[in-house]
């Protein structure tokens, strides 16, 4: 509210200045949001190989026998995370450990970046040794404002071909957010968990308690240098989280394995996951699946306070793109 002087009935000069600064800030944000739309439709092509050593590292992480994945072996669905890892040169790494923006991904002027969700369709097998080609496209850029402030959602679509045959279609939702506040990563209302609707009884479940070694090995496999997964002082002081953040991709990998265990033939045709809140090192989660009447699986990762970390669904058939 403006301060009114009794002599003139006009706002004080400092209030007019503040209004002017606010208007300029809104105008600058509007221009930036419009500039970002120029990145929609931008694409890039990358090539890789389904190398045995990469597949065997995923197997080792998941307590599978690495020797089972020699040349010609089928790479299990959802293990493609070991391919097309970021190859930014060291001088192009930003202060958070991510490659700097503005080449393929848009130069969003918000410092914090995380995955919000992903949707995958597995169309044909990838075999160890296959030549891989990935076409990536910026499909949408959506500015929003939430309780935590300004956000920008970027949807990226990937199409991966193995030896010339389309094998995987993946949509990723990336969210950019403002600097962390003093309450970042803390549950609403202090330590008491917020009220949530009770989940239906699962048909299968398993405990998931990642340790620092598992976080390191997953980051090494995916060449993910985001500091919130290994640098505790940075995570607490700069990003405002209470502890290291468990990679969303690691939780997705484990949920995919749970889904395969409960689908006909152990094959994953479709997987859709949405990250609901961060999962921190030192806490324990439960991975749950529930078979629905139509044959698909509902999936959840739930923390030790009963809060949903990740939710999604899976099916044996890839279905159609949504």
Protein backbone atom coordinates (compact mmCIF):
# COMPACT_ATOMS: atom_id res chain seq x y z
CA UNK A 1 0.00 0.00 0.00
CA UNK A 2 1.34 3.48 -0.87
CA UNK A 3 2.12 6.08 1.77
CA UNK A 4 0.02 9.25 1.31
CA UNK A 5 1.37 12.63 2.40
CA UNK A 6 -1.19 14.82 4.16
CA UNK A 7 -0.03 17.89 2.22
CA UNK A 8 -0.52 16.64 -1.32
CA UNK A 9 -2.47 13.39 -1.11
CA UNK A 10 0.08 11.90 -3.52
CA UNK A 11 2.23 8.77 -3.10
CA UNK A 12 5.70 9.27 -1.70
CA UNK A 13 8.49 9.33 -4.37
CA UNK A 14 10.00 6.09 -3.04
CA UNK A 15 6.67 4.31 -3.58
CA UNK A 16 6.48 5.56 -7.17
CA UNK A 17 10.03 4.33 -7.69
CA UNK A 18 9.15 0.90 -6.28
CA UNK A 19 6.11 0.70 -8.56
CA UNK A 20 8.25 1.64 -11.55
CA UNK A 21 10.83 -1.03 -10.71
CA UNK A 22 8.09 -3.65 -10.30
CA UNK A 23 6.54 -2.70 -13.65
CA UNK A 24 9.93 -2.89 -15.36
CA UNK A 25 10.57 -6.28 -13.79
CA UNK A 26 7.22 -7.63 -15.01
CA UNK A 27 7.90 -6.24 -18.49
CA UNK A 28 11.36 -7.84 -18.57
CA UNK A 29 9.93 -11.20 -17.48
CA UNK A 30 7.26 -10.98 -20.18
CA UNK A 31 9.88 -10.25 -22.83
CA UNK A 32 12.06 -13.13 -21.56
CA UNK A 33 9.10 -15.54 -21.65
CA UNK A 34 8.37 -14.52 -25.26
CA UNK A 35 12.03 -14.87 -26.22
CA UNK A 36 12.09 -18.41 -24.83
CA UNK A 37 9.34 -19.46 -27.24
CA UNK A 38 11.92 -19.15 -30.00
CA UNK A 39 13.49 -22.34 -28.65
CA UNK A 40 10.32 -24.39 -29.26
CA UNK A 41 10.97 -26.73 -32.17
CA UNK A 42 14.74 -26.60 -31.78
CA UNK A 43 16.26 -30.06 -32.21
CA UNK A 44 19.57 -31.84 -32.02
CA UNK A 45 20.81 -35.27 -33.06
CA UNK A 46 23.27 -37.38 -31.04
CA UNK A 47 24.86 -40.75 -31.71
CA UNK A 48 26.01 -43.39 -29.24
CA UNK A 49 26.57 -47.12 -28.92
CA UNK A 50 24.83 -49.60 -26.62
CA UNK A 51 28.21 -50.58 -25.24
CA UNK A 52 28.40 -53.69 -23.08
CA UNK A 53 30.33 -51.89 -20.35
CA UNK A 54 27.53 -49.34 -19.90
CA UNK A 55 24.80 -51.97 -19.73
CA UNK A 56 26.86 -54.06 -17.31
CA UNK A 57 27.23 -51.08 -14.98
CA UNK A 58 23.45 -50.72 -14.75
CA UNK A 59 23.19 -54.46 -14.10
CA UNK A 60 25.73 -54.19 -11.27
CA UNK A 61 23.84 -51.27 -9.73
CA UNK A 62 20.65 -53.36 -9.73
CA UNK A 63 22.32 -56.50 -8.31
CA UNK A 64 22.07 -58.34 -11.62
CA UNK A 65 24.90 -60.43 -13.05
CA UNK A 66 26.86 -58.18 -15.45
CA UNK A 67 28.12 -61.24 -17.34
CA UNK A 68 24.59 -61.78 -18.72
CA UNK A 69 24.90 -58.72 -20.94
CA UNK A 70 27.41 -59.53 -23.63
CA UNK A 71 27.28 -58.59 -27.33
CA UNK A 72 23.83 -59.16 -28.85
CA UNK A 73 22.01 -59.48 -25.52
CA UNK A 74 18.76 -57.53 -25.16
CA UNK A 75 19.10 -54.42 -23.04
CA UNK A 76 16.24 -54.45 -20.48
CA UNK A 77 13.68 -51.69 -20.93
CA UNK A 78 14.42 -48.47 -19.06
CA UNK A 79 18.17 -49.17 -18.91
CA UNK A 80 18.77 -46.73 -21.77
CA UNK A 81 19.60 -44.12 -19.09
CA UNK A 82 23.23 -45.25 -19.50
CA UNK A 83 23.28 -43.97 -23.10
CA UNK A 84 23.51 -40.40 -24.41
CA UNK A 85 24.94 -39.05 -21.17
CA UNK A 86 25.86 -35.32 -21.21
CA UNK A 87 29.26 -34.62 -22.78
CA UNK A 88 29.68 -30.90 -22.10
CA UNK A 89 33.35 -30.00 -21.81
CA UNK A 90 34.49 -28.96 -18.34
CA UNK A 91 34.61 -25.25 -19.19
CA UNK A 92 30.90 -25.35 -20.09
CA UNK A 93 29.69 -26.73 -16.76
CA UNK A 94 27.61 -24.27 -14.71
CA UNK A 95 27.91 -23.61 -10.97
CA UNK A 96 25.26 -26.24 -10.15
CA UNK A 97 27.10 -28.95 -12.11
CA UNK A 98 24.72 -28.92 -15.09
CA UNK A 99 25.91 -27.98 -18.59
CA UNK A 100 25.30 -24.29 -19.24
CA UNK A 101 22.04 -23.42 -21.00
CA UNK A 102 21.50 -21.71 -24.31
CA UNK A 103 22.73 -24.29 -26.83
CA UNK A 104 19.94 -26.85 -27.09
CA UNK A 105 17.98 -26.15 -23.90
CA UNK A 106 16.64 -22.59 -23.63
CA UNK A 107 18.52 -20.00 -21.52
CA UNK A 108 15.95 -19.85 -18.72
CA UNK A 109 16.93 -17.15 -16.19
CA UNK A 110 16.08 -19.28 -13.18
CA UNK A 111 18.92 -21.07 -11.35
CA UNK A 112 17.42 -24.34 -10.08
CA UNK A 113 16.74 -27.17 -12.50
CA UNK A 114 15.15 -30.56 -11.82
CA UNK A 115 13.16 -33.27 -13.59
CA UNK A 116 9.42 -33.06 -12.99
CA UNK A 117 8.37 -36.19 -14.86
CA UNK A 118 8.79 -38.50 -17.83
CA UNK A 119 6.68 -40.63 -20.16
CA UNK A 120 8.27 -43.53 -22.07
CA UNK A 121 7.19 -45.98 -24.76
CA UNK A 122 9.39 -48.97 -25.53
CA UNK A 123 8.72 -49.96 -29.13
CA UNK A 124 11.46 -52.44 -30.03
CA UNK A 125 14.45 -54.03 -28.30
CA UNK A 126 17.89 -52.45 -28.06
CA UNK A 127 20.68 -55.01 -28.22
CA UNK A 128 24.15 -54.68 -26.74
CA UNK A 129 26.45 -53.32 -29.43
CA UNK A 130 23.72 -51.57 -31.42
CA UNK A 131 24.40 -48.22 -33.05
CA UNK A 132 22.12 -45.62 -31.44
CA UNK A 133 20.78 -42.36 -32.78
CA UNK A 134 18.71 -39.93 -30.70
CA UNK A 135 16.72 -37.01 -32.05
CA UNK A 136 15.74 -34.52 -29.34
CA UNK A 137 13.24 -31.68 -29.77
CA UNK A 138 12.12 -28.86 -27.47
CA UNK A 139 8.37 -29.44 -27.64
CA UNK A 140 6.99 -26.80 -25.26
CA UNK A 141 8.05 -24.03 -22.87
CA UNK A 142 5.48 -23.01 -20.24
CA UNK A 143 6.09 -20.26 -17.64
CA UNK A 144 4.08 -20.64 -14.44
CA UNK A 145 3.89 -19.17 -10.97
CA UNK A 146 3.41 -21.43 -7.93
CA UNK A 147 3.71 -21.21 -4.17
CA UNK A 148 7.50 -21.35 -4.49
CA UNK A 149 7.61 -18.48 -7.00
CA UNK A 150 8.38 -18.28 -10.71
CA UNK A 151 8.78 -21.53 -12.63
CA UNK A 152 9.37 -22.49 -16.26
CA UNK A 153 8.50 -25.98 -17.52
CA UNK A 154 10.32 -27.27 -20.58
CA UNK A 155 9.10 -30.41 -22.33
CA UNK A 156 11.69 -32.26 -24.38
CA UNK A 157 10.87 -35.19 -26.68
CA UNK A 158 13.50 -37.84 -27.46
CA UNK A 159 13.26 -40.51 -30.19
CA UNK A 160 15.94 -43.22 -29.95
CA UNK A 161 16.65 -45.57 -32.85
CA UNK A 162 18.78 -48.73 -32.54
CA UNK A 163 20.42 -49.94 -35.77
CA UNK A 164 17.93 -47.80 -37.68
CA UNK A 165 14.75 -49.03 -35.92
CA UNK A 166 12.82 -46.74 -33.58
CA UNK A 167 13.18 -48.25 -30.10
CA UNK A 168 12.25 -45.68 -27.44
CA UNK A 169 10.15 -42.54 -27.36
CA UNK A 170 10.58 -40.45 -24.23
CA UNK A 171 9.07 -37.17 -23.09
CA UNK A 172 10.81 -35.36 -20.24
CA UNK A 173 9.46 -32.46 -18.20
CA UNK A 174 12.19 -30.18 -16.84
CA UNK A 175 11.33 -27.48 -14.31
CA UNK A 176 13.39 -24.36 -13.65
CA UNK A 177 12.77 -22.56 -10.36
CA UNK A 178 13.85 -19.50 -8.40
CA UNK A 179 16.59 -19.43 -5.78
CA UNK A 180 15.84 -21.56 -2.74
CA UNK A 181 14.01 -19.99 0.18
CA UNK A 182 14.78 -20.74 3.82
CA UNK A 183 12.01 -23.36 3.81
CA UNK A 184 13.02 -25.20 0.63
CA UNK A 185 12.77 -28.95 0.99
CA UNK A 186 10.98 -28.72 4.34
CA UNK A 187 7.56 -30.28 4.80
CA UNK A 188 4.63 -27.93 5.10
CA UNK A 189 3.63 -27.24 8.68
CA UNK A 190 7.00 -28.13 10.22
CA UNK A 191 7.77 -31.80 10.75
CA UNK A 192 4.16 -32.96 10.63
CA UNK A 193 3.36 -34.62 7.27
CA UNK A 194 0.57 -32.95 5.29
CA UNK A 195 -2.73 -34.77 5.05
CA UNK A 196 -2.96 -36.90 1.91
CA UNK A 197 -5.57 -39.24 0.55
CA UNK A 198 -4.80 -42.83 1.60
CA UNK A 199 -3.38 -44.92 -1.22
CA UNK A 200 -5.02 -48.18 -2.29
CA UNK A 201 -3.48 -51.40 -1.02
CA UNK A 202 -0.58 -52.43 -3.30
CA UNK A 203 -0.20 -55.89 -4.81
CA UNK A 204 3.60 -55.70 -4.52
CA UNK A 205 6.04 -53.55 -2.59
CA UNK A 206 9.70 -53.29 -1.71
CA UNK A 207 11.88 -51.10 0.50
CA UNK A 208 14.19 -48.57 -1.13
CA UNK A 209 16.91 -47.05 1.09
CA UNK A 210 19.68 -45.66 -1.15
CA UNK A 211 23.03 -44.83 0.42
CA UNK A 212 25.79 -42.42 -0.73
CA UNK A 213 27.52 -45.17 -2.70
CA UNK A 214 24.38 -45.93 -4.73
CA UNK A 215 23.88 -42.23 -5.46
CA UNK A 216 27.49 -41.95 -6.59
CA UNK A 217 27.31 -45.03 -8.82
CA UNK A 218 24.09 -43.88 -10.50
CA UNK A 219 25.51 -40.39 -11.10
CA UNK A 220 28.66 -41.99 -12.52
CA UNK A 221 26.67 -44.24 -14.88
CA UNK A 222 24.63 -41.29 -16.17
CA UNK A 223 27.56 -38.81 -16.00
CA UNK A 224 25.28 -36.55 -13.97
CA UNK A 225 27.30 -33.82 -12.25
CA UNK A 226 24.38 -32.01 -10.58
CA UNK A 227 25.85 -31.14 -7.19
CA UNK A 228 22.69 -31.83 -5.18
CA UNK A 229 23.46 -35.56 -5.53
CA UNK A 230 26.98 -35.53 -4.01
CA UNK A 231 27.94 -32.11 -2.56
CA UNK A 232 26.26 -31.79 0.84
CA UNK A 233 27.43 -28.22 1.72
CA UNK A 234 26.28 -26.93 -1.68
CA UNK A 235 22.96 -28.78 -1.39
CA UNK A 236 22.20 -27.29 2.02
CA UNK A 237 23.66 -23.80 1.61
CA UNK A 238 22.82 -23.02 -2.02
CA UNK A 239 19.77 -25.12 -2.86
CA UNK A 240 18.24 -25.12 0.63
CA UNK A 241 17.68 -28.86 0.94
CA UNK A 242 18.30 -30.70 4.24
CA UNK A 243 20.47 -33.42 2.68
CA UNK A 244 21.62 -34.86 -0.64
CA UNK A 245 18.76 -35.40 -3.09
CA UNK A 246 18.23 -38.92 -4.42
CA UNK A 247 18.33 -38.85 -8.23
CA UNK A 248 14.81 -38.93 -9.63
CA UNK A 249 16.14 -41.17 -12.40
CA UNK A 250 17.35 -43.70 -9.84
CA UNK A 251 13.90 -43.93 -8.27
CA UNK A 252 12.41 -44.22 -11.78
CA UNK A 253 14.86 -47.03 -12.60
CA UNK A 254 13.85 -48.95 -9.46
CA UNK A 255 10.13 -48.42 -10.10
CA UNK A 256 10.60 -49.71 -13.64
CA UNK A 257 12.17 -52.89 -12.27
CA UNK A 258 9.27 -53.35 -9.87
CA UNK A 259 6.84 -52.89 -12.75
CA UNK A 260 8.59 -55.49 -14.92
CA UNK A 261 8.36 -57.97 -12.06
CA UNK A 262 4.58 -57.59 -12.14
CA UNK A 263 3.88 -57.40 -15.88
CA UNK A 264 3.26 -60.35 -18.23
CA UNK A 265 6.54 -61.70 -19.55
CA UNK A 266 8.46 -59.20 -17.47
CA UNK A 267 8.31 -56.71 -20.34
CA UNK A 268 7.80 -53.00 -19.93
CA UNK A 269 5.96 -51.37 -22.83
CA UNK A 270 5.00 -48.06 -21.30
CA UNK A 271 6.08 -46.14 -18.22
CA UNK A 272 4.84 -42.76 -17.00
CA UNK A 273 6.15 -41.12 -13.81
CA UNK A 274 5.62 -37.77 -12.11
CA UNK A 275 7.93 -36.51 -9.36
CA UNK A 276 5.86 -35.08 -6.52
CA UNK A 277 8.52 -34.05 -3.99
CA UNK A 278 12.25 -34.56 -3.36
CA UNK A 279 13.57 -37.72 -1.72
CA UNK A 280 16.51 -37.14 0.60
CA UNK A 281 19.45 -39.32 1.51
CA UNK A 282 19.07 -40.86 4.95
CA UNK A 283 15.35 -41.53 4.56
CA UNK A 284 13.65 -44.76 3.50
CA UNK A 285 11.02 -45.14 0.81
CA UNK A 286 8.66 -47.91 -0.16
CA UNK A 287 8.13 -48.72 -3.84
CA UNK A 288 4.60 -49.94 -4.52
CA UNK A 289 2.67 -51.35 -7.45
CA UNK A 290 -0.98 -52.24 -7.81
CA UNK A 291 -2.48 -54.24 -10.66
CA UNK A 292 -5.58 -52.52 -12.03
CA UNK A 293 -8.57 -54.31 -13.63
CA UNK A 294 -7.48 -53.24 -17.13
CA UNK A 295 -4.06 -54.89 -16.68
CA UNK A 296 -1.95 -51.77 -16.19
CA UNK A 297 -0.01 -51.08 -13.01
CA UNK A 298 -0.33 -48.07 -10.74
CA UNK A 299 3.03 -47.13 -9.23
CA UNK A 300 4.13 -45.10 -6.23
CA UNK A 301 7.24 -44.31 -4.26
CA UNK A 302 6.22 -43.33 -0.72
CA UNK A 303 8.52 -41.92 1.95
CA UNK A 304 8.71 -42.96 5.59
CA UNK A 305 6.16 -40.28 6.50
CA UNK A 306 3.60 -41.72 4.12
CA UNK A 307 3.99 -38.94 1.54
CA UNK A 308 4.03 -39.70 -2.18
CA UNK A 309 7.41 -38.99 -3.77
CA UNK A 310 6.66 -40.34 -7.24
CA UNK A 311 3.48 -41.60 -8.82
CA UNK A 312 2.79 -43.11 -12.19
CA UNK A 313 1.71 -46.14 -14.15
CA UNK A 314 3.10 -48.87 -16.38
CA UNK A 315 1.81 -51.36 -18.94
CA UNK A 316 3.15 -54.26 -20.96
CA UNK A 317 2.09 -52.72 -24.27
CA UNK A 318 3.48 -49.39 -25.49
CA UNK A 319 0.07 -48.07 -26.51
CA UNK A 320 -0.32 -44.77 -28.33
CA UNK A 321 1.28 -41.44 -27.58
CA UNK A 322 -0.84 -39.28 -25.29
